[in-house]
Amino acid sequence: MDGVVVGGGSSDSGSGVSSSQERCPKQVSPIRGGSSRNTSPIGRVGSRNTSPSRQKVVKTKPRGLDEETVSTFGKAIHPDVRMEDNIWAMLPEDLLNEILARVPPFMIFRLRSVCKRWNSILQDSSFLKFHSRVPSHGPCLLTFWKNSQTPQCSVFSLPLKIWYRIPFSFLPQWAFWLVGSSGGLVCFSGLDGLTFKTLVCNPLTQAWRTLPSMHYNQQRQLIMVVDRMDRSFKVIATSDIYGDNSLPTEVYDSKLNRWLVHQIMPLVNLCSSKMAYCDSRLYLETLSPLGLMMYRLDTGYWEHIPAKFPRSLLDGYLVAGTQKRLFLVGRIGLYSTLQSMRIWELDHAKVMWVEISRMPPKYFRVLLRLSAERFECFGQDNLICFTSWNQGKGLIYDVDKKVWSWIAGCAHQSYNSQVCFYEPRFDASIY
């Protein structure tokens, strides 16, 4: 597995803006195991028995892996086809940029060492234009944590099945935490001394900036959404982190570069701070009244949806799918031996949750060994990710294909990692 180079630019301490054009990005290498032993199921794939007493090799499927994952690891590796140098030299500029725009973003950094022309490709407006037209190369998982107060970030490419380390030293030394990611941008919020601040960055170009202060500047529950067609983004701030619903909802618009004050959320008892955004609507779980609170971004108003939760639901996570699909993920069962993980989808017409899948017991037992163990769940584009960093495990469920698969290398991550889906894009602008 080869490494990747991720951009690092100089920052303007006065404005909180980092320019990726002033210096070259830094090298980023894939994560490899050190002296610690990887105990995840993925880590045991490819090991062999060297005992001389064992003469016959018996091929077995690694425990806990589905057929798709096993077949992926068993694919033959074909040697690269060498292309003559003079062919590359004769390619027109536009054609070359269109070819490079289709290369996975993390691979671009390796190609920059080929020549001076390619080294400056990230500042080439023609390349960025072609890159903006190319569909995503596939989802990634971004994990963020702090090691001795130093921000650390790793990205796992699901199509390439490789972890990449991204230097996050370009961020300010605040006490901040991960809000989420959308359209190639990553949002953080935190405290700079006693002041609550929000910042947005592009991890690939390492450009970042702080957003203006909110009208009611307190620690709030935030979510960011990017509109790639409009080349803009919004940050929605609901109640504060302690559940105070007396604060009005505020929405930051990157085009206006200011926060807009909207309706105060009606008095409800929130069930969880987890939110899901899909189809221009924001959803939160409520206990009283039971159901969901829905915020319409186009009108700026809240409304209640009386969708009752399934019985014996222990912990529920709202997960946004494509278009209007909204999922509920949680454990069912009062006793550890009878617990199971299930997935429901909201039937908007009947205003009820319909079960669509259950996690197979073999995955559930590996992911959550203890009934009281915490897990995290989030989703994007009908992919649902389950993480249990205490166990060093990660699991992906594809709703459309109905396929479960383990995430390789989760044991390398910190137990206090914050995780979200991430789409690496060079053209994602922080303005």
Protein backbone atom coordinates (compact mmCIF):
# COMPACT_ATOMS: atom_id res chain seq x y z
CA MET A 1 0.00 0.00 0.00
CA ASP A 2 1.47 3.27 -1.13
CA GLY A 3 1.26 6.57 0.62
CA VAL A 4 -0.42 9.79 -0.28
CA VAL A 5 0.50 13.42 -0.12
CA VAL A 6 -2.01 15.80 1.37
CA GLY A 7 -1.88 19.54 0.97
CA GLY A 8 -0.56 21.90 3.58
CA GLY A 9 -0.70 25.63 3.14
CA SER A 10 0.33 28.61 5.18
CA SER A 11 -2.33 30.17 7.36
CA ASP A 12 -3.18 33.77 7.97
CA SER A 13 -3.49 34.06 11.72
CA GLY A 14 -5.39 37.29 11.42
CA SER A 15 -8.22 36.00 9.27
CA GLY A 16 -8.01 32.33 10.10
CA VAL A 17 -7.61 31.45 6.44
CA SER A 18 -5.09 29.04 5.04
CA SER A 19 -3.90 29.38 1.46
CA SER A 20 -2.96 26.15 -0.28
CA GLN A 21 -1.05 28.04 -2.97
CA GLU A 22 1.87 29.26 -0.86
CA ARG A 23 3.63 26.02 -0.21
CA CYS A 24 3.51 22.43 -1.34
CA PRO A 25 1.41 19.82 0.47
CA LYS A 26 3.04 17.40 2.84
CA GLN A 27 3.51 13.69 2.32
CA VAL A 28 0.89 11.44 3.82
CA SER A 29 1.57 7.77 4.20
CA PRO A 30 -0.79 4.85 4.67
CA ILE A 31 -1.17 3.60 8.21
CA ARG A 32 0.78 0.49 9.00
CA GLY A 33 0.79 -1.51 12.16
CA GLY A 34 3.74 -1.04 14.51
CA SER A 35 4.64 -3.31 17.35
CA SER A 36 1.02 -3.65 18.43
CA ARG A 37 -0.91 -6.69 17.28
CA ASN A 38 -3.97 -6.25 15.13
CA THR A 39 -6.73 -8.37 16.61
CA SER A 40 -9.44 -7.45 14.14
CA PRO A 41 -10.76 -10.15 11.78
CA ILE A 42 -9.22 -8.30 8.84
CA GLY A 43 -5.79 -8.39 10.45
CA ARG A 44 -5.72 -12.18 10.33
CA VAL A 45 -6.35 -12.41 6.61
CA GLY A 46 -3.30 -13.65 4.75
CA SER A 47 -1.54 -15.23 7.75
CA ARG A 48 -0.10 -18.70 7.18
CA ASN A 49 0.83 -21.64 9.36
CA THR A 50 4.61 -22.19 9.28
CA SER A 51 4.57 -25.33 11.39
CA PRO A 52 6.62 -28.12 9.67
CA SER A 53 4.16 -30.72 10.90
CA ARG A 54 1.42 -29.26 8.75
CA GLN A 55 2.03 -30.56 5.23
CA LYS A 56 -1.37 -30.01 3.67
CA VAL A 57 -2.66 -26.50 3.14
CA VAL A 58 -6.39 -26.20 3.76
CA LYS A 59 -8.06 -23.10 2.35
CA THR A 60 -10.66 -21.72 4.73
CA LYS A 61 -12.70 -18.54 4.76
CA PRO A 62 -11.61 -16.14 7.53
CA ARG A 63 -14.17 -16.02 10.28
CA GLY A 64 -16.44 -12.98 10.24
CA LEU A 65 -15.87 -12.04 6.59
CA ASP A 66 -18.55 -12.17 3.94
CA GLU A 67 -18.04 -13.62 0.48
CA GLU A 68 -17.57 -10.22 -1.17
CA THR A 69 -14.79 -9.24 1.22
CA VAL A 70 -12.99 -12.57 0.82
CA SER A 71 -13.14 -12.37 -2.96
CA THR A 72 -11.73 -8.84 -2.83
CA PHE A 73 -8.67 -9.99 -0.90
CA GLY A 74 -8.21 -12.91 -3.27
CA LYS A 75 -8.05 -10.87 -6.48
CA ALA A 76 -4.93 -11.31 -8.59
CA ILE A 77 -2.63 -8.32 -8.97
CA HIS A 78 -1.71 -7.59 -12.58
CA PRO A 79 1.48 -5.72 -13.47
CA ASP A 80 1.14 -2.11 -14.62
CA VAL A 81 1.14 -1.48 -18.37
CA ARG A 82 3.97 0.90 -19.22
CA MET A 83 3.14 3.77 -21.55
CA GLU A 84 5.79 5.43 -23.66
CA ASP A 85 6.93 8.82 -22.36
CA ASN A 86 6.53 10.51 -25.74
CA ILE A 87 2.81 9.64 -25.75
CA TRP A 88 2.29 11.60 -22.52
CA ALA A 89 4.33 14.50 -23.92
CA MET A 90 2.08 14.76 -26.98
CA LEU A 91 -1.20 14.80 -25.07
CA PRO A 92 -3.12 18.09 -25.30
CA GLU A 93 -3.40 20.02 -22.03
CA ASP A 94 -7.18 19.60 -21.74
CA LEU A 95 -7.03 15.87 -22.42
CA LEU A 96 -4.28 15.39 -19.83
CA ASN A 97 -6.27 17.33 -17.21
CA GLU A 98 -9.36 15.28 -17.96
CA ILE A 99 -7.37 12.05 -17.46
CA LEU A 100 -5.81 13.25 -14.21
CA ALA A 101 -9.19 14.47 -12.95
CA ARG A 102 -10.38 10.86 -13.02
CA VAL A 103 -7.51 9.65 -10.85
CA PRO A 104 -8.51 9.04 -7.20
CA PRO A 105 -7.65 12.23 -5.26
CA PHE A 106 -5.19 10.56 -2.90
CA MET A 107 -3.21 9.25 -5.88
CA ILE A 108 -2.78 12.75 -7.31
CA PHE A 109 -0.20 13.57 -4.66
CA ARG A 110 2.03 10.72 -5.80
CA LEU A 111 1.81 11.91 -9.39
CA ARG A 112 2.97 15.42 -8.48
CA SER A 113 6.52 14.19 -8.14
CA VAL A 114 6.63 13.19 -11.83
CA CYS A 115 7.43 16.65 -13.23
CA LYS A 116 7.09 20.37 -12.55
CA ARG A 117 4.01 20.55 -14.71
CA TRP A 118 2.16 17.98 -12.62
CA ASN A 119 3.50 19.41 -9.38
CA SER A 120 1.50 22.60 -9.94
CA ILE A 121 -1.65 20.82 -11.03
CA LEU A 122 -3.64 21.72 -7.90
CA GLN A 123 -3.33 25.39 -8.84
CA ASP A 124 -4.44 24.72 -12.42
CA SER A 125 -7.96 26.08 -12.95
CA SER A 126 -8.44 23.80 -15.96
CA PHE A 127 -7.72 20.70 -13.88
CA LEU A 128 -10.07 21.86 -11.10
CA LYS A 129 -12.79 22.47 -13.68
CA PHE A 130 -12.54 18.91 -14.98
CA HIS A 131 -12.24 17.56 -11.42
CA SER A 132 -15.51 19.29 -10.42
CA ARG A 133 -17.35 17.49 -13.25
CA VAL A 134 -16.11 14.02 -12.32
CA PRO A 135 -18.36 11.98 -10.00
CA SER A 136 -17.06 10.96 -6.60
CA HIS A 137 -14.45 8.21 -6.61
CA GLY A 138 -16.30 6.52 -3.80
CA PRO A 139 -16.97 7.19 -0.13
CA CYS A 140 -14.26 7.41 2.51
CA LEU A 141 -14.28 7.28 6.28
CA LEU A 142 -12.59 10.14 8.12
CA THR A 143 -11.45 9.56 11.70
CA PHE A 144 -10.32 12.43 13.89
CA TRP A 145 -8.72 12.34 17.33
CA LYS A 146 -6.18 14.17 19.44
CA ASN A 147 -2.92 12.62 20.55
CA SER A 148 -1.18 14.72 23.24
CA GLN A 149 -3.34 17.68 22.14
CA THR A 150 -2.12 17.28 18.56
CA PRO A 151 -4.92 16.82 15.99
CA GLN A 152 -4.67 13.53 14.11
CA CYS A 153 -6.65 12.47 11.07
CA SER A 154 -6.85 9.29 9.02
CA VAL A 155 -8.98 8.56 5.97
CA PHE A 156 -10.02 5.09 4.82
CA SER A 157 -10.83 4.75 1.12
CA LEU A 158 -13.60 2.18 0.76
CA PRO A 159 -12.92 1.54 -2.97
CA LEU A 160 -9.12 1.21 -2.47
CA LYS A 161 -9.37 -0.35 1.02
CA ILE A 162 -6.39 1.69 2.25
CA TRP A 163 -5.94 3.99 5.26
CA TYR A 164 -4.21 7.33 4.66
CA ARG A 165 -2.84 9.68 7.29
CA ILE A 166 -3.57 13.38 6.76
CA PRO A 167 -1.57 15.99 8.70
CA PHE A 168 -3.94 18.27 10.60
CA SER A 169 -1.29 20.51 12.12
CA PHE A 170 -2.63 23.38 9.99
CA LEU A 171 -5.64 23.75 12.31
CA PRO A 172 -5.49 26.21 15.25
CA GLN A 173 -4.77 24.91 18.74
CA TRP A 174 -8.32 25.02 20.04
CA ALA A 175 -10.28 22.56 22.11
CA PHE A 176 -12.48 21.53 19.19
CA TRP A 177 -14.39 18.47 18.05
CA LEU A 178 -15.66 17.06 14.76
CA VAL A 179 -19.08 18.24 13.60
CA GLY A 180 -19.27 16.39 10.30
CA SER A 181 -18.42 16.43 6.61
CA SER A 182 -20.24 17.21 3.39
CA GLY A 183 -19.18 17.71 -0.22
CA GLY A 184 -15.45 17.57 0.50
CA LEU A 185 -15.52 20.03 3.43
CA VAL A 186 -15.13 19.17 7.11
CA CYS A 187 -16.66 21.22 9.91
CA PHE A 188 -15.32 21.59 13.45
CA SER A 189 -16.56 23.53 16.47
CA GLY A 190 -14.85 24.28 19.74
CA LEU A 191 -13.60 26.78 22.25
CA ASP A 192 -10.86 29.31 21.68
CA GLY A 193 -10.39 30.19 25.32
CA LEU A 194 -13.95 31.01 26.40
CA THR A 195 -15.24 31.87 22.93
CA PHE A 196 -17.28 29.32 20.98
CA LYS A 197 -16.15 29.13 17.36
CA THR A 198 -16.91 27.16 14.21
CA LEU A 199 -14.43 26.47 11.42
CA VAL A 200 -14.63 24.83 8.01
CA CYS A 201 -11.70 23.27 6.14
CA ASN A 202 -10.78 21.21 3.11
CA PRO A 203 -8.38 18.48 4.34
CA LEU A 204 -6.90 17.95 0.85
CA THR A 205 -5.95 21.56 0.16
CA GLN A 206 -5.63 22.35 3.89
CA ALA A 207 -7.47 25.64 3.38
CA TRP A 208 -9.52 26.67 6.42
CA ARG A 209 -11.35 29.60 7.95
CA THR A 210 -13.43 30.45 10.99
CA LEU A 211 -17.07 31.42 10.56
CA PRO A 212 -18.51 34.63 12.00
CA SER A 213 -19.93 34.38 15.52
CA MET A 214 -23.58 33.44 15.90
CA HIS A 215 -26.12 35.87 17.30
CA TYR A 216 -26.47 33.61 20.35
CA ASN A 217 -22.90 32.38 20.57
CA GLN A 218 -23.11 29.25 22.72
CA GLN A 219 -22.08 25.64 22.25
CA ARG A 220 -24.71 24.39 19.83
CA GLN A 221 -25.63 21.22 18.01
CA LEU A 222 -24.41 21.77 14.46
CA ILE A 223 -24.70 20.11 11.09
CA MET A 224 -23.17 21.19 7.77
CA VAL A 225 -24.61 20.68 4.27
CA VAL A 226 -22.89 21.48 0.96
CA ASP A 227 -24.64 22.38 -2.29
CA ARG A 228 -22.12 21.48 -5.02
CA MET A 229 -24.30 22.82 -7.82
CA ASP A 230 -24.57 26.19 -6.12
CA ARG A 231 -20.96 26.02 -4.84
CA SER A 232 -22.07 27.03 -1.36
CA PHE A 233 -22.63 25.49 2.05
CA LYS A 234 -24.81 26.02 5.10
CA VAL A 235 -24.32 25.26 8.80
CA ILE A 236 -27.45 24.72 10.90
CA ALA A 237 -27.31 25.41 14.66
CA THR A 238 -30.20 24.00 16.72
CA SER A 239 -30.44 23.84 20.53
CA ASP A 240 -27.34 24.04 22.70
CA ILE A 241 -25.43 20.88 23.70
CA TYR A 242 -27.30 20.74 27.04
CA GLY A 243 -30.71 20.60 25.38
CA ASP A 244 -31.75 24.23 25.95
CA ASN A 245 -34.49 24.78 23.37
CA SER A 246 -34.95 28.46 24.18
CA LEU A 247 -32.34 29.46 21.60
CA PRO A 248 -33.56 30.26 18.09
CA THR A 249 -32.37 28.13 15.20
CA GLU A 250 -29.57 29.84 13.29
CA VAL A 251 -28.36 29.06 9.76
CA TYR A 252 -25.03 30.18 8.33
CA ASP A 253 -25.07 30.89 4.57
CA SER A 254 -21.63 30.92 2.92
CA LYS A 255 -22.89 33.17 0.12
CA LEU A 256 -24.02 35.81 2.59
CA ASN A 257 -21.20 35.06 5.05
CA ARG A 258 -23.52 35.56 8.01
CA TRP A 259 -25.91 33.75 10.34
CA LEU A 260 -29.66 34.06 9.84
CA VAL A 261 -32.00 33.72 12.84
CA HIS A 262 -34.98 31.43 12.30
CA GLN A 263 -37.78 29.95 14.42
CA ILE A 264 -37.19 28.67 17.96
CA MET A 265 -37.66 24.91 18.17
CA PRO A 266 -40.98 24.07 19.88
CA LEU A 267 -40.70 22.86 23.46
CA VAL A 268 -39.86 19.15 23.22
CA ASN A 269 -37.86 16.57 25.16
CA LEU A 270 -35.07 15.53 22.82
CA CYS A 271 -34.20 11.84 22.85
CA SER A 272 -30.71 12.24 21.40
CA SER A 273 -28.36 14.91 20.11
CA LYS A 274 -27.90 12.93 16.89
CA MET A 275 -29.34 14.57 13.79
CA ALA A 276 -29.87 13.51 10.20
CA TYR A 277 -30.24 15.72 7.14
CA CYS A 278 -31.83 14.63 3.88
CA ASP A 279 -33.96 16.25 1.19
CA SER A 280 -33.48 19.76 2.66
CA ARG A 281 -34.89 18.60 5.98
CA LEU A 282 -33.27 18.14 9.38
CA TYR A 283 -34.56 15.43 11.71
CA LEU A 284 -34.16 14.92 15.47
CA GLU A 285 -35.61 12.26 17.80
CA THR A 286 -38.00 13.34 20.57
CA LEU A 287 -39.41 11.54 23.60
CA SER A 288 -42.12 14.02 24.44
CA PRO A 289 -44.05 14.26 22.23
CA LEU A 290 -42.90 10.92 20.87
CA GLY A 291 -41.61 10.96 17.32
CA LEU A 292 -39.45 13.32 15.26
CA MET A 293 -38.91 17.03 14.97
CA MET A 294 -38.37 18.12 11.37
CA TYR A 295 -36.81 21.43 10.35
CA ARG A 296 -37.39 22.64 6.79
CA LEU A 297 -34.39 24.58 5.54
CA ASP A 298 -36.38 26.28 2.78
CA THR A 299 -39.02 27.75 5.11
CA GLY A 300 -37.07 27.96 8.38
CA TYR A 301 -39.87 26.32 10.41
CA TRP A 302 -40.12 23.25 12.65
CA GLU A 303 -42.90 20.66 12.68
CA HIS A 304 -43.55 17.45 14.62
CA ILE A 305 -43.86 14.02 12.95
CA PRO A 306 -45.70 11.49 15.18
CA ALA A 307 -43.67 8.45 14.06
CA LYS A 308 -43.57 6.12 17.07
CA PHE A 309 -40.37 4.22 17.72
CA PRO A 310 -40.26 0.40 17.69
CA ARG A 311 -40.91 -1.27 21.05
CA SER A 312 -37.92 -2.23 23.25
CA LEU A 313 -35.62 0.11 21.32
CA LEU A 314 -32.53 0.63 23.50
CA ASP A 315 -30.63 3.24 21.52
CA GLY A 316 -31.57 4.74 18.19
CA TYR A 317 -29.59 6.61 15.54
CA LEU A 318 -31.13 8.56 12.70
CA VAL A 319 -29.26 8.01 9.43
CA ALA A 320 -29.88 9.93 6.21
CA GLY A 321 -30.04 8.03 2.93
CA THR A 322 -30.29 9.23 -0.65
CA GLN A 323 -33.17 11.45 -1.73
CA LYS A 324 -35.91 11.24 0.92
CA ARG A 325 -34.85 8.00 2.61
CA LEU A 326 -34.48 8.21 6.39
CA PHE A 327 -33.29 5.25 8.46
CA LEU A 328 -33.43 4.39 12.14
CA VAL A 329 -30.74 2.09 13.52
CA GLY A 330 -30.75 0.63 17.02
CA ARG A 331 -30.61 -2.35 19.35
CA ILE A 332 -33.71 -4.29 20.34
CA GLY A 333 -34.02 -6.49 23.42
CA LEU A 334 -33.77 -6.11 27.19
CA TYR A 335 -31.38 -9.01 27.76
CA SER A 336 -27.92 -9.33 26.23
CA THR A 337 -28.53 -12.84 24.91
CA LEU A 338 -31.65 -11.71 23.05
CA GLN A 339 -30.38 -8.41 21.68
CA SER A 340 -30.14 -7.70 17.98
CA MET A 341 -29.30 -4.73 15.76
CA ARG A 342 -32.02 -3.68 13.36
CA ILE A 343 -32.58 -1.10 10.65
CA TRP A 344 -35.90 0.60 9.91
CA GLU A 345 -36.94 3.03 7.18
CA LEU A 346 -39.48 5.79 7.64
CA ASP A 347 -42.62 5.38 5.57
CA HIS A 348 -43.45 9.06 5.02
CA ALA A 349 -46.97 8.30 3.77
CA LYS A 350 -48.00 6.10 6.74
CA VAL A 351 -45.75 7.96 9.24
CA MET A 352 -44.34 4.72 10.64
CA TRP A 353 -41.03 2.83 10.83
CA VAL A 354 -40.75 -0.28 8.65
CA GLU A 355 -38.02 -2.84 9.39
CA ILE A 356 -35.79 -3.47 6.37
CA SER A 357 -32.81 -5.41 7.75
CA ARG A 358 -31.17 -7.06 10.77
CA MET A 359 -27.49 -7.39 11.52
CA PRO A 360 -26.49 -11.09 11.35
CA PRO A 361 -25.71 -12.48 14.84
CA LYS A 362 -22.08 -13.30 13.92
CA TYR A 363 -21.40 -9.62 13.17
CA PHE A 364 -23.32 -8.40 16.20
CA ARG A 365 -21.35 -10.64 18.59
CA VAL A 366 -18.00 -9.43 17.20
CA LEU A 367 -18.96 -5.76 17.05
CA LEU A 368 -20.54 -5.56 20.51
CA ARG A 369 -19.27 -8.14 22.97
CA LEU A 370 -20.96 -6.50 25.95
CA SER A 371 -24.64 -5.56 26.10
CA ALA A 372 -23.84 -2.16 27.64
CA GLU A 373 -21.06 -1.33 25.18
CA ARG A 374 -21.49 1.87 23.21
CA PHE A 375 -21.41 2.05 19.46
CA GLU A 376 -21.60 4.82 16.90
CA CYS A 377 -23.64 4.80 13.73
CA PHE A 378 -23.76 7.19 10.77
CA GLY A 379 -24.51 6.99 7.08
CA GLN A 380 -24.24 8.45 3.61
CA ASP A 381 -25.70 7.49 0.22
CA ASN A 382 -27.48 4.40 1.60
CA LEU A 383 -24.29 3.19 3.31
CA ILE A 384 -24.52 2.71 7.09
CA CYS A 385 -21.37 2.47 9.18
CA PHE A 386 -21.16 0.91 12.65
CA THR A 387 -18.10 1.53 14.80
CA SER A 388 -17.06 0.16 18.16
CA TRP A 389 -13.59 1.54 18.73
CA ASN A 390 -13.27 -0.14 22.13
CA GLN A 391 -13.27 -3.41 20.24
CA GLY A 392 -11.32 -1.99 17.30
CA LYS A 393 -14.09 -2.92 14.87
CA GLY A 394 -15.91 -1.20 12.06
CA LEU A 395 -18.72 -2.55 9.90
CA ILE A 396 -20.39 -1.25 6.71
CA TYR A 397 -23.87 -2.15 5.52
CA ASP A 398 -24.93 -1.36 1.95
CA VAL A 399 -28.70 -0.86 2.05
CA ASP A 400 -29.13 -1.26 -1.72
CA LYS A 401 -26.94 -4.36 -2.12
CA LYS A 402 -27.86 -5.78 1.33
CA VAL A 403 -24.19 -6.60 1.93
CA TRP A 404 -22.28 -6.49 5.25
CA SER A 405 -18.48 -6.05 5.24
CA TRP A 406 -15.78 -5.33 7.80
CA ILE A 407 -13.56 -2.24 7.66
CA ALA A 408 -9.88 -3.12 7.61
CA GLY A 409 -7.49 -1.54 10.08
CA CYS A 410 -9.89 -0.10 12.66
CA ALA A 411 -7.70 -1.48 15.45
CA HIS A 412 -5.07 1.13 14.55
CA GLN A 413 -7.42 3.99 15.47
CA SER A 414 -7.76 5.65 18.86
CA TYR A 415 -10.56 4.59 21.17
CA ASN A 416 -11.82 8.21 21.34
CA SER A 417 -11.88 8.76 17.57
CA GLN A 418 -14.67 10.78 16.01
CA VAL A 419 -15.78 9.36 12.68
CA CYS A 420 -17.81 10.49 9.68
CA PHE A 421 -18.16 9.79 5.98
CA TYR A 422 -15.98 11.98 3.80
CA GLU A 423 -15.80 12.72 0.07
CA PRO A 424 -12.29 13.94 -0.89
CA ARG A 425 -12.51 16.78 -3.41
CA PHE A 426 -9.96 19.39 -4.52
CA ASP A 427 -12.66 21.75 -5.81
CA ALA A 428 -14.53 22.07 -2.50
CA SER A 429 -14.29 25.75 -1.55
CA ILE A 430 -14.39 27.07 2.00
CA TYR A 431 -16.11 30.26 0.77
